[in-house]
Amino acid sequence: MVDRQGIIVYLHQLKHAKSLRKFGHVQYISRKMKYVQIYVDQQKVDRTIRKIERLPYVKKVVPSYRPFVETEYDVVRPDKAKEYDYKIGL
């Protein structure tokens, strides 16, 4: 399985959104905020960002940090209020 990472591309005009398909998989287009969310292979993220930033219709390019954020938590402490409610029988 290939690791993927998201890239958020802010545009001046949305008519250029379809042309971003050649860089990766277009997942979402926001018409109100004028951005496109693209998923690319994690090894190609830096190269793709540099290519996209050179385009004249692009305002800003932001990589997603979701693959690097820890989503599994080791220490799970129960909430004291909930623990008290369970003992009472609520």
N, C-alpha and C. Protein backbone atom coordinates (compact mmCIF):
# COMPACT_ATOMS: atom_id res chain seq x y z
N MET A 1 0.84 -1.18 0.00
CA MET A 1 0.00 0.00 0.00
C MET A 1 0.89 1.25 0.00
N VAL A 2 0.55 2.22 -0.82
CA VAL A 2 1.35 3.43 -0.97
C VAL A 2 0.87 4.48 0.04
N ASP A 3 1.82 5.10 0.75
CA ASP A 3 1.47 6.17 1.68
C ASP A 3 1.17 7.43 0.89
N ARG A 4 0.05 8.09 1.23
CA ARG A 4 -0.38 9.29 0.53
C ARG A 4 -0.40 10.46 1.50
N GLN A 5 -0.28 11.67 0.96
CA GLN A 5 -0.33 12.87 1.78
C GLN A 5 -1.11 13.93 1.03
N GLY A 6 -1.88 14.71 1.77
CA GLY A 6 -2.69 15.75 1.17
C GLY A 6 -1.92 17.05 0.97
N ILE A 7 -2.32 17.78 -0.06
CA ILE A 7 -1.77 19.10 -0.34
C ILE A 7 -2.97 20.03 -0.57
N ILE A 8 -2.98 21.17 0.10
CA ILE A 8 -4.02 22.17 -0.10
C ILE A 8 -3.45 23.26 -1.01
N VAL A 9 -4.13 23.51 -2.12
CA VAL A 9 -3.68 24.51 -3.09
C VAL A 9 -4.73 25.62 -3.16
N TYR A 10 -4.33 26.84 -2.76
CA TYR A 10 -5.21 28.00 -2.84
C TYR A 10 -5.03 28.65 -4.20
N LEU A 11 -6.16 28.96 -4.86
CA LEU A 11 -6.13 29.47 -6.23
C LEU A 11 -6.70 30.89 -6.30
N HIS A 12 -6.31 31.63 -7.36
CA HIS A 12 -6.91 32.93 -7.63
C HIS A 12 -8.30 32.74 -8.23
N GLN A 13 -8.44 31.79 -9.17
CA GLN A 13 -9.70 31.49 -9.81
C GLN A 13 -9.88 29.98 -9.89
N LEU A 14 -11.12 29.53 -9.73
CA LEU A 14 -11.37 28.09 -9.72
C LEU A 14 -11.40 27.46 -11.10
N LYS A 15 -11.37 28.24 -12.15
CA LYS A 15 -11.41 27.63 -13.49
C LYS A 15 -10.16 26.81 -13.78
N HIS A 16 -9.09 27.00 -13.00
CA HIS A 16 -7.86 26.24 -13.18
C HIS A 16 -7.81 24.98 -12.31
N ALA A 17 -8.85 24.72 -11.56
CA ALA A 17 -8.85 23.58 -10.62
C ALA A 17 -8.70 22.24 -11.35
N LYS A 18 -9.32 22.11 -12.50
CA LYS A 18 -9.24 20.84 -13.23
C LYS A 18 -7.83 20.55 -13.75
N SER A 19 -7.06 21.59 -13.99
CA SER A 19 -5.72 21.37 -14.52
C SER A 19 -4.78 20.79 -13.46
N LEU A 20 -5.18 20.80 -12.19
CA LEU A 20 -4.36 20.23 -11.12
C LEU A 20 -4.46 18.71 -11.05
N ARG A 21 -5.32 18.12 -11.86
CA ARG A 21 -5.47 16.66 -11.86
C ARG A 21 -4.20 15.93 -12.26
N LYS A 22 -3.37 16.56 -13.07
CA LYS A 22 -2.15 15.89 -13.54
C LYS A 22 -1.11 15.74 -12.44
N PHE A 23 -1.26 16.45 -11.32
CA PHE A 23 -0.31 16.36 -10.22
C PHE A 23 -0.67 15.29 -9.20
N GLY A 24 -1.94 14.90 -9.13
CA GLY A 24 -2.37 13.90 -8.16
C GLY A 24 -3.88 13.73 -8.22
N HIS A 25 -4.42 13.07 -7.22
CA HIS A 25 -5.85 12.79 -7.15
C HIS A 25 -6.56 13.96 -6.46
N VAL A 26 -7.43 14.65 -7.22
CA VAL A 26 -8.18 15.78 -6.66
C VAL A 26 -9.30 15.21 -5.82
N GLN A 27 -9.26 15.49 -4.52
CA GLN A 27 -10.24 14.95 -3.59
C GLN A 27 -11.40 15.91 -3.37
N TYR A 28 -11.11 17.21 -3.25
CA TYR A 28 -12.15 18.17 -2.89
C TYR A 28 -11.83 19.53 -3.49
N ILE A 29 -12.87 20.23 -3.94
CA ILE A 29 -12.74 21.60 -4.44
C ILE A 29 -13.71 22.47 -3.66
N SER A 30 -13.18 23.47 -2.96
CA SER A 30 -14.01 24.41 -2.22
C SER A 30 -14.27 25.64 -3.07
N ARG A 31 -15.51 25.84 -3.44
CA ARG A 31 -15.85 26.98 -4.29
C ARG A 31 -15.86 28.28 -3.49
N LYS A 32 -16.25 28.21 -2.24
CA LYS A 32 -16.34 29.41 -1.41
C LYS A 32 -14.96 29.94 -1.04
N MET A 33 -14.07 29.05 -0.60
CA MET A 33 -12.75 29.48 -0.13
C MET A 33 -11.67 29.37 -1.22
N LYS A 34 -12.03 28.88 -2.40
CA LYS A 34 -11.15 28.78 -3.57
C LYS A 34 -9.87 27.99 -3.28
N TYR A 35 -10.05 26.75 -2.84
CA TYR A 35 -8.90 25.86 -2.69
C TYR A 35 -9.24 24.48 -3.20
N VAL A 36 -8.17 23.72 -3.49
CA VAL A 36 -8.30 22.36 -4.00
C VAL A 36 -7.46 21.46 -3.11
N GLN A 37 -8.03 20.31 -2.73
CA GLN A 37 -7.29 19.34 -1.93
C GLN A 37 -6.87 18.20 -2.85
N ILE A 38 -5.55 17.96 -2.89
CA ILE A 38 -4.97 16.95 -3.76
C ILE A 38 -4.23 15.93 -2.91
N TYR A 39 -4.33 14.66 -3.26
CA TYR A 39 -3.56 13.61 -2.61
C TYR A 39 -2.50 13.09 -3.56
N VAL A 40 -1.25 13.02 -3.08
CA VAL A 40 -0.13 12.52 -3.87
C VAL A 40 0.66 11.52 -3.04
N ASP A 41 1.55 10.78 -3.70
CA ASP A 41 2.42 9.85 -2.99
C ASP A 41 3.34 10.64 -2.05
N GLN A 42 3.60 10.08 -0.89
CA GLN A 42 4.36 10.79 0.13
C GLN A 42 5.79 11.09 -0.31
N GLN A 43 6.37 10.24 -1.15
CA GLN A 43 7.74 10.48 -1.61
C GLN A 43 7.80 11.64 -2.61
N LYS A 44 6.70 11.92 -3.28
CA LYS A 44 6.68 12.95 -4.32
C LYS A 44 6.13 14.30 -3.84
N VAL A 45 5.86 14.45 -2.56
CA VAL A 45 5.21 15.65 -2.04
C VAL A 45 6.05 16.90 -2.28
N ASP A 46 7.33 16.87 -1.94
CA ASP A 46 8.18 18.06 -2.08
C ASP A 46 8.30 18.50 -3.54
N ARG A 47 8.52 17.54 -4.41
CA ARG A 47 8.64 17.85 -5.84
C ARG A 47 7.35 18.44 -6.39
N THR A 48 6.23 17.84 -6.00
CA THR A 48 4.93 18.30 -6.48
C THR A 48 4.62 19.70 -5.98
N ILE A 49 4.93 19.98 -4.71
CA ILE A 49 4.68 21.32 -4.16
C ILE A 49 5.50 22.36 -4.92
N ARG A 50 6.76 22.06 -5.22
CA ARG A 50 7.60 23.01 -5.97
C ARG A 50 7.04 23.27 -7.37
N LYS A 51 6.53 22.22 -8.02
CA LYS A 51 5.95 22.38 -9.36
C LYS A 51 4.68 23.22 -9.31
N ILE A 52 3.83 22.94 -8.33
CA ILE A 52 2.55 23.64 -8.23
C ILE A 52 2.76 25.11 -7.86
N GLU A 53 3.74 25.41 -7.01
CA GLU A 53 3.99 26.80 -6.61
C GLU A 53 4.41 27.68 -7.77
N ARG A 54 5.01 27.10 -8.80
CA ARG A 54 5.46 27.86 -9.95
C ARG A 54 4.32 28.29 -10.87
N LEU A 55 3.16 27.69 -10.73
CA LEU A 55 2.05 28.00 -11.62
C LEU A 55 1.52 29.42 -11.33
N PRO A 56 1.15 30.16 -12.37
CA PRO A 56 0.75 31.56 -12.18
C PRO A 56 -0.59 31.75 -11.46
N TYR A 57 -1.47 30.76 -11.50
CA TYR A 57 -2.79 30.90 -10.90
C TYR A 57 -2.86 30.39 -9.47
N VAL A 58 -1.73 30.07 -8.87
CA VAL A 58 -1.69 29.54 -7.50
C VAL A 58 -1.28 30.64 -6.53
N LYS A 59 -2.07 30.80 -5.46
CA LYS A 59 -1.73 31.76 -4.40
C LYS A 59 -0.75 31.16 -3.41
N LYS A 60 -1.14 29.99 -2.87
CA LYS A 60 -0.37 29.39 -1.78
C LYS A 60 -0.56 27.89 -1.80
N VAL A 61 0.47 27.15 -1.38
CA VAL A 61 0.41 25.69 -1.30
C VAL A 61 0.79 25.28 0.12
N VAL A 62 -0.07 24.46 0.75
CA VAL A 62 0.17 24.03 2.13
C VAL A 62 0.09 22.50 2.19
N PRO A 63 1.14 21.84 2.69
CA PRO A 63 1.06 20.38 2.85
C PRO A 63 0.26 20.02 4.10
N SER A 64 -0.37 18.87 4.06
CA SER A 64 -1.11 18.37 5.22
C SER A 64 -0.15 17.61 6.13
N TYR A 65 -0.29 17.83 7.43
CA TYR A 65 0.58 17.16 8.39
C TYR A 65 -0.11 15.97 9.05
N ARG A 66 -1.22 15.56 8.53
CA ARG A 66 -1.97 14.45 9.12
C ARG A 66 -1.19 13.15 9.23
N PRO A 67 -0.38 12.75 8.24
CA PRO A 67 0.35 11.49 8.38
C PRO A 67 1.35 11.51 9.52
N PHE A 68 1.76 12.69 9.98
CA PHE A 68 2.77 12.78 11.02
C PHE A 68 2.19 12.98 12.41
N VAL A 69 0.88 13.16 12.51
CA VAL A 69 0.22 13.35 13.80
C VAL A 69 -0.12 11.99 14.39
N GLU A 70 0.20 11.80 15.64
CA GLU A 70 -0.08 10.53 16.33
C GLU A 70 -1.58 10.39 16.55
N THR A 71 -2.17 9.29 16.08
CA THR A 71 -3.60 9.07 16.25
C THR A 71 -3.91 7.95 17.23
N GLU A 72 -2.90 7.22 17.64
CA GLU A 72 -3.09 6.17 18.64
C GLU A 72 -2.52 6.66 19.96
N TYR A 73 -3.34 6.57 20.99
CA TYR A 73 -2.95 7.10 22.29
C TYR A 73 -2.62 5.95 23.23
N ASP A 74 -1.49 6.05 23.92
CA ASP A 74 -1.04 4.99 24.81
C ASP A 74 -1.71 5.06 26.18
N VAL A 75 -1.71 6.21 26.78
CA VAL A 75 -2.24 6.37 28.13
C VAL A 75 -3.65 6.93 28.04
N VAL A 76 -4.59 6.14 28.55
CA VAL A 76 -5.98 6.58 28.56
C VAL A 76 -6.42 6.62 30.02
N ARG A 77 -6.62 7.83 30.52
CA ARG A 77 -7.09 7.99 31.90
C ARG A 77 -8.58 8.26 31.88
N PRO A 78 -9.35 7.55 32.67
CA PRO A 78 -10.79 7.82 32.70
C PRO A 78 -11.07 9.15 33.39
N ASP A 79 -12.14 9.77 32.97
CA ASP A 79 -12.56 11.03 33.57
C ASP A 79 -13.12 10.76 34.96
N LYS A 80 -12.70 11.54 35.95
CA LYS A 80 -13.13 11.32 37.35
C LYS A 80 -14.64 11.47 37.50
N ALA A 81 -15.24 12.43 36.82
CA ALA A 81 -16.69 12.64 36.93
C ALA A 81 -17.45 11.45 36.36
N LYS A 82 -17.00 10.93 35.22
CA LYS A 82 -17.68 9.78 34.62
C LYS A 82 -17.51 8.55 35.49
N GLU A 83 -16.33 8.38 36.06
CA GLU A 83 -16.07 7.23 36.93
C GLU A 83 -17.00 7.27 38.14
N TYR A 84 -17.23 8.44 38.70
CA TYR A 84 -18.13 8.59 39.83
C TYR A 84 -19.56 8.26 39.43
N ASP A 85 -19.99 8.71 38.21
CA ASP A 85 -21.34 8.43 37.73
C ASP A 85 -21.55 6.93 37.52
N TYR A 86 -20.53 6.21 37.07
CA TYR A 86 -20.65 4.79 36.85
C TYR A 86 -20.82 4.05 38.18
N LYS A 87 -20.14 4.51 39.23
CA LYS A 87 -20.24 3.85 40.52
C LYS A 87 -21.63 4.04 41.13
N ILE A 88 -22.24 5.21 40.90
CA ILE A 88 -23.57 5.49 41.44
C ILE A 88 -24.62 4.72 40.66
N GLY A 89 -24.39 4.54 39.37
CA GLY A 89 -25.35 3.82 38.55
C GLY A 89 -26.19 4.72 37.66
N LEU A 90 -25.67 5.88 37.35
CA LEU A 90 -26.39 6.81 36.48
C LEU A 90 -26.28 6.41 35.03
